[in-house]
Amino acid sequence: MVEVRARRTAAAAAALTMLGPAAACGLADAGETSVATKDRLVIGVNADQPGVGEREGDGPYKGFDIDVAKAIAGRLGVAGKNVAFKRVYSATREKMLQEGEVDLVVASYSVTPERKVKVAFAGPYYVAHQDVLVRASDAGKIRSIHDLKGRRLCKVRGSVSFPRIHDEQGVAALPVEEDGYSACLTDLVENRLDAVSTDDLILAGLAGKAAANGRKLTIVNASFTDEPYGVGIRRSDVDGCEAVNKAITGLYQDGTMPQLLKRWFGNTGLKLTTTVPQFEGCV
């Protein structure tokens, strides 16, 4: 990657000489804003999703998405202390990308047509599936999303999970609003709501954390959507998007991605996919 970056720098310098000062400024600006050429990256991640993206207190970020973010950055030629993480919420991801607070977002960020109007997506790096998490004692009562009618369902601000059940599927669940899924987990185990519905990787992490604290939760195993996890990137950064796609492909080809999936979710009982997903395209 260092050689590629050196060749790009040399080619850009030659182009600037030929095109003159006015054009040079524009090309220089474009090069500086692309994640394909940056020497430091700030990556937006979640901090409240056990197994996916979590941070306890002032400790390090950890989880599947964190490892994926580090691996992608490494393939872009950025590693170690030059990779910084910044917490994002479902409701802030687009704004933080648009305003340059983060260079990339790797945060269980499902690709949707509505989001693609505001930002671009590399990948997806994985395709999860929306399912339902309930208390084990309620597993016989809630077997599909249709059993959520009239029941209290967590609604994370900025997430598409609740609208997919309530609006798209027409299930009249009762919303309990929270900022993140750790709060949903607390509400579920303390009987302030009846179910949490979101991507199965997130649910598996929540169930695992509850089990470690002596609380038994059950995934209904009634998935009803595909949730392609994309790497959020500014819409103008086509070169960066293509570079990230190349990085993701490499992570599958060399076995890194299957290893990360096994590390974080191998004991959850989820059926994991270890082949490269079909990419969205960068234009």
Protein backbone atom coordinates (compact mmCIF):
# COMPACT_ATOMS: atom_id res chain seq x y z
CA MET A 1 0.00 0.00 0.00
CA VAL A 2 2.94 2.34 0.70
CA GLU A 3 4.22 1.80 -2.87
CA VAL A 4 0.75 2.52 -4.25
CA ARG A 5 0.55 5.70 -2.21
CA ALA A 6 4.02 6.77 -3.45
CA ARG A 7 3.03 6.19 -7.07
CA ARG A 8 -0.16 8.20 -6.53
CA THR A 9 1.83 11.07 -5.03
CA ALA A 10 4.27 11.10 -7.93
CA ALA A 11 1.48 10.98 -10.50
CA ALA A 12 -0.38 13.78 -8.76
CA ALA A 13 2.74 15.93 -8.69
CA ALA A 14 3.27 15.45 -12.43
CA ALA A 15 -0.36 16.32 -13.10
CA LEU A 16 -0.11 19.50 -11.05
CA THR A 17 2.93 20.64 -13.02
CA MET A 18 1.15 20.14 -16.34
CA LEU A 19 -2.18 21.66 -15.32
CA GLY A 20 -0.95 24.82 -13.66
CA PRO A 21 -1.55 26.55 -10.33
CA ALA A 22 -5.34 26.92 -10.47
CA ALA A 23 -5.97 23.25 -11.23
CA ALA A 24 -3.24 22.26 -8.78
CA CYS A 25 -5.19 23.67 -5.83
CA GLY A 26 -8.28 21.66 -6.71
CA LEU A 27 -6.38 18.40 -7.12
CA ALA A 28 -4.45 18.92 -3.92
CA ASP A 29 -7.66 19.52 -2.00
CA ALA A 30 -9.23 16.39 -3.46
CA GLY A 31 -6.18 14.30 -2.57
CA GLU A 32 -6.14 15.57 1.00
CA THR A 33 -9.77 14.70 1.64
CA SER A 34 -9.72 11.15 0.28
CA VAL A 35 -9.30 8.37 2.80
CA ALA A 36 -7.20 6.60 0.15
CA THR A 37 -4.35 9.06 0.72
CA LYS A 38 -4.68 10.10 4.36
CA ASP A 39 -1.94 9.29 6.88
CA ARG A 40 -4.39 9.43 9.81
CA LEU A 41 -7.98 8.26 10.02
CA VAL A 42 -10.77 9.05 12.45
CA ILE A 43 -13.33 6.25 12.34
CA GLY A 44 -16.83 6.52 13.78
CA VAL A 45 -17.86 3.46 15.81
CA ASN A 46 -20.53 2.37 18.27
CA ALA A 47 -19.80 2.10 21.98
CA ASP A 48 -22.96 0.37 23.24
CA GLN A 49 -23.17 -2.85 21.23
CA PRO A 50 -21.47 -5.80 22.98
CA GLY A 51 -19.59 -8.01 20.53
CA VAL A 52 -20.00 -5.46 17.75
CA GLY A 53 -18.75 -2.11 19.06
CA GLU A 54 -18.43 -1.41 22.76
CA ARG A 55 -16.49 0.76 25.19
CA GLU A 56 -16.62 0.50 28.95
CA GLY A 57 -15.70 3.72 30.71
CA ASP A 58 -12.41 5.09 29.39
CA GLY A 59 -11.22 1.70 28.21
CA PRO A 60 -10.48 0.67 24.63
CA TYR A 61 -13.15 0.13 22.00
CA LYS A 62 -13.66 -3.55 21.25
CA GLY A 63 -15.84 -5.75 19.09
CA PHE A 64 -16.23 -7.08 15.57
CA ASP A 65 -16.70 -3.66 13.97
CA ILE A 66 -13.66 -2.31 15.80
CA ASP A 67 -11.46 -5.10 14.47
CA VAL A 68 -12.90 -4.66 10.97
CA ALA A 69 -12.18 -0.92 11.12
CA LYS A 70 -8.58 -1.52 12.20
CA ALA A 71 -8.07 -4.10 9.45
CA ILE A 72 -9.48 -1.80 6.75
CA ALA A 73 -7.34 1.10 7.98
CA GLY A 74 -4.28 -1.13 7.91
CA ARG A 75 -4.91 -2.05 4.30
CA LEU A 76 -5.21 1.66 3.51
CA GLY A 77 -1.73 2.12 4.95
CA VAL A 78 -2.84 3.59 8.29
CA ALA A 79 -2.28 1.71 11.54
CA GLY A 80 -1.55 1.98 15.24
CA LYS A 81 -1.76 5.40 16.84
CA ASN A 82 -2.72 6.95 13.50
CA VAL A 83 -6.15 5.33 13.75
CA ALA A 84 -8.50 7.12 16.16
CA PHE A 85 -12.02 6.06 17.11
CA LYS A 86 -14.89 8.42 17.79
CA ARG A 87 -18.26 7.40 19.15
CA VAL A 88 -21.27 7.76 16.88
CA TYR A 89 -24.96 7.18 17.48
CA SER A 90 -27.53 5.96 14.99
CA ALA A 91 -28.91 9.51 14.78
CA THR A 92 -25.52 11.23 14.25
CA ARG A 93 -23.67 9.11 11.69
CA GLU A 94 -24.60 11.02 8.54
CA LYS A 95 -24.01 14.44 10.09
CA MET A 96 -20.59 13.48 11.43
CA LEU A 97 -19.51 12.23 8.01
CA GLN A 98 -20.87 15.27 6.21
CA GLU A 99 -19.20 17.70 8.60
CA GLY A 100 -15.85 15.90 8.54
CA GLU A 101 -15.83 14.85 12.19
CA VAL A 102 -15.05 11.31 11.05
CA ASP A 103 -13.47 9.95 7.87
CA LEU A 104 -15.29 6.61 7.90
CA VAL A 105 -18.12 5.03 9.87
CA VAL A 106 -17.92 1.34 10.76
CA ALA A 107 -20.86 0.99 13.11
CA SER A 108 -23.39 -1.72 12.15
CA TYR A 109 -24.39 0.87 9.53
CA SER A 110 -27.04 -0.70 7.30
CA VAL A 111 -27.11 0.56 3.72
CA THR A 112 -30.51 2.07 2.85
CA PRO A 113 -31.72 4.22 -0.05
CA GLU A 114 -32.53 7.06 2.36
CA ARG A 115 -29.01 7.08 3.80
CA LYS A 116 -27.39 6.88 0.37
CA VAL A 117 -28.88 10.28 -0.42
CA LYS A 118 -26.70 11.78 2.32
CA VAL A 119 -23.54 9.63 2.35
CA ALA A 120 -21.86 6.92 0.29
CA PHE A 121 -21.13 3.35 1.32
CA ALA A 122 -18.23 1.05 0.63
CA GLY A 123 -18.93 -2.65 1.00
CA PRO A 124 -21.00 -4.07 2.55
CA TYR A 125 -18.47 -5.96 4.65
CA TYR A 126 -21.20 -8.21 6.09
CA VAL A 127 -24.92 -8.89 5.65
CA ALA A 128 -26.76 -9.36 8.93
CA HIS A 129 -30.48 -10.06 9.42
CA GLN A 130 -33.01 -8.33 11.65
CA ASP A 131 -34.45 -10.56 14.35
CA VAL A 132 -36.06 -10.26 17.81
CA LEU A 133 -34.58 -10.66 21.30
CA VAL A 134 -36.85 -11.47 24.27
CA ARG A 135 -36.61 -12.71 27.83
CA ALA A 136 -36.35 -16.50 27.86
CA SER A 137 -39.57 -16.67 29.87
CA ASP A 138 -41.41 -14.95 26.98
CA ALA A 139 -39.98 -17.08 24.17
CA GLY A 140 -43.17 -19.12 23.88
CA LYS A 141 -45.30 -16.00 23.56
CA ILE A 142 -43.20 -14.09 21.00
CA ARG A 143 -42.30 -16.23 18.02
CA SER A 144 -42.35 -13.66 15.23
CA ILE A 145 -42.60 -9.91 14.72
CA HIS A 146 -46.39 -10.22 14.50
CA ASP A 147 -46.47 -11.25 18.17
CA LEU A 148 -45.08 -7.81 19.04
CA LYS A 149 -48.46 -6.16 18.49
CA GLY A 150 -49.36 -4.21 21.62
CA ARG A 151 -46.03 -5.08 23.25
CA ARG A 152 -43.27 -2.68 24.31
CA LEU A 153 -40.47 -2.61 21.72
CA CYS A 154 -37.24 -0.65 21.97
CA LYS A 155 -36.94 2.22 19.48
CA VAL A 156 -33.38 3.52 19.12
CA ARG A 157 -33.32 7.07 17.83
CA GLY A 158 -31.99 7.19 14.26
CA SER A 159 -32.17 3.42 13.74
CA VAL A 160 -34.32 1.87 11.01
CA SER A 161 -35.11 -1.25 13.06
CA PHE A 162 -38.31 -0.07 14.77
CA PRO A 163 -39.79 1.55 11.61
CA ARG A 164 -39.24 -1.69 9.71
CA ILE A 165 -41.57 -3.48 12.11
CA HIS A 166 -44.04 -0.71 12.91
CA ASP A 167 -44.24 1.14 9.58
CA GLU A 168 -43.19 -1.33 6.90
CA GLN A 169 -44.69 -4.48 8.42
CA GLY A 170 -47.64 -2.72 10.03
CA VAL A 171 -47.12 -4.27 13.48
CA ALA A 172 -48.54 -1.95 16.15
CA ALA A 173 -45.75 -2.33 18.68
CA LEU A 174 -45.44 0.25 21.46
CA PRO A 175 -42.22 2.30 21.22
CA VAL A 176 -39.85 2.72 24.16
CA GLU A 177 -37.28 5.27 23.00
CA GLU A 178 -33.57 5.02 23.83
CA ASP A 179 -30.31 6.38 22.43
CA GLY A 180 -28.58 3.02 22.12
CA TYR A 181 -28.88 -0.74 22.47
CA SER A 182 -27.16 -1.03 25.85
CA ALA A 183 -30.07 0.97 27.26
CA CYS A 184 -32.48 -1.35 25.43
CA LEU A 185 -30.80 -4.33 27.08
CA THR A 186 -31.17 -2.79 30.53
CA ASP A 187 -34.84 -2.05 29.84
CA LEU A 188 -35.44 -5.62 28.65
CA VAL A 189 -33.89 -7.39 31.63
CA GLU A 190 -35.58 -4.98 34.06
CA ASN A 191 -39.00 -5.54 32.45
CA ARG A 192 -39.47 -2.01 31.10
CA LEU A 193 -40.01 -3.40 27.62
CA ASP A 194 -40.86 -6.75 26.06
CA ALA A 195 -38.47 -7.07 23.12
CA VAL A 196 -35.53 -5.64 21.23
CA SER A 197 -35.43 -6.00 17.46
CA THR A 198 -32.37 -5.20 15.38
CA ASP A 199 -29.57 -6.98 13.52
CA ASP A 200 -28.81 -10.51 14.69
CA LEU A 201 -25.13 -9.76 15.35
CA ILE A 202 -26.12 -7.01 17.77
CA LEU A 203 -28.74 -9.22 19.42
CA ALA A 204 -26.20 -12.02 19.87
CA GLY A 205 -23.85 -9.62 21.63
CA LEU A 206 -26.61 -8.34 23.91
CA ALA A 207 -27.70 -11.87 24.79
CA GLY A 208 -24.11 -12.82 25.58
CA LYS A 209 -23.67 -9.85 27.91
CA ALA A 210 -26.92 -10.65 29.69
CA ALA A 211 -25.88 -14.28 30.12
CA ALA A 212 -22.61 -13.19 31.70
CA ASN A 213 -24.70 -11.35 34.29
CA GLY A 214 -27.00 -14.29 34.96
CA ARG A 215 -29.90 -13.07 32.79
CA LYS A 216 -31.19 -15.44 30.13
CA LEU A 217 -32.44 -13.97 26.86
CA THR A 218 -33.50 -15.71 23.67
CA ILE A 219 -33.21 -14.77 19.99
CA VAL A 220 -36.51 -15.68 18.35
CA ASN A 221 -34.80 -16.82 15.11
CA ALA A 222 -37.46 -15.29 12.88
CA SER A 223 -35.34 -13.01 10.71
CA PHE A 224 -37.17 -10.94 8.13
CA THR A 225 -34.66 -8.55 6.50
CA ASP A 226 -31.18 -8.38 5.05
CA GLU A 227 -29.02 -5.74 6.72
CA PRO A 228 -25.95 -4.98 4.60
CA TYR A 229 -23.33 -3.39 6.86
CA GLY A 230 -21.59 -0.71 4.84
CA VAL A 231 -18.61 1.51 5.59
CA GLY A 232 -19.97 5.06 5.59
CA ILE A 233 -17.91 7.57 3.65
CA ARG A 234 -18.43 11.05 2.21
CA ARG A 235 -20.30 10.99 -1.08
CA SER A 236 -17.53 12.87 -2.91
CA ASP A 237 -14.79 10.38 -2.02
CA VAL A 238 -15.10 7.86 -4.85
CA ASP A 239 -11.38 6.98 -4.72
CA GLY A 240 -11.64 6.31 -1.02
CA CYS A 241 -14.73 4.16 -1.48
CA GLU A 242 -12.99 2.03 -4.10
CA ALA A 243 -9.93 1.67 -1.88
CA VAL A 244 -12.09 0.47 1.02
CA ASN A 245 -13.85 -2.03 -1.27
CA LYS A 246 -10.46 -3.40 -2.27
CA ALA A 247 -9.51 -3.66 1.39
CA ILE A 248 -12.70 -5.55 2.28
CA THR A 249 -12.16 -8.00 -0.59
CA GLY A 250 -8.64 -8.64 0.66
CA LEU A 251 -9.88 -9.31 4.18
CA TYR A 252 -12.12 -12.09 2.89
CA GLN A 253 -9.52 -13.50 0.54
CA ASP A 254 -6.79 -13.83 3.18
CA GLY A 255 -9.15 -15.30 5.78
CA THR A 256 -9.15 -12.30 8.13
CA MET A 257 -12.89 -11.65 7.97
CA PRO A 258 -13.94 -15.27 8.61
CA GLN A 259 -11.54 -15.33 11.59
CA LEU A 260 -13.06 -12.15 13.03
CA LEU A 261 -16.60 -13.47 12.60
CA LYS A 262 -15.64 -16.70 14.35
CA ARG A 263 -13.84 -14.83 17.13
CA TRP A 264 -16.82 -12.66 18.04
CA PHE A 265 -19.82 -14.81 17.07
CA GLY A 266 -18.59 -18.38 16.70
CA ASN A 267 -20.24 -19.50 19.94
CA THR A 268 -23.57 -17.70 19.49
CA GLY A 269 -25.29 -20.29 17.30
CA LEU A 270 -25.77 -17.80 14.47
CA LYS A 271 -25.21 -19.05 10.94
CA LEU A 272 -22.33 -16.92 9.71
CA THR A 273 -21.58 -16.11 6.07
CA THR A 274 -17.89 -16.09 5.16
CA THR A 275 -17.99 -15.11 1.49
CA VAL A 276 -17.59 -11.59 0.11
CA PRO A 277 -20.97 -9.80 -0.08
CA GLN A 278 -22.06 -8.14 -3.31
CA PHE A 279 -20.85 -4.54 -3.18
CA GLU A 280 -23.12 -1.54 -3.59
CA GLY A 281 -20.86 0.35 -6.00
CA CYS A 282 -19.14 3.66 -5.36
CA VAL A 283 -20.74 5.94 -7.97
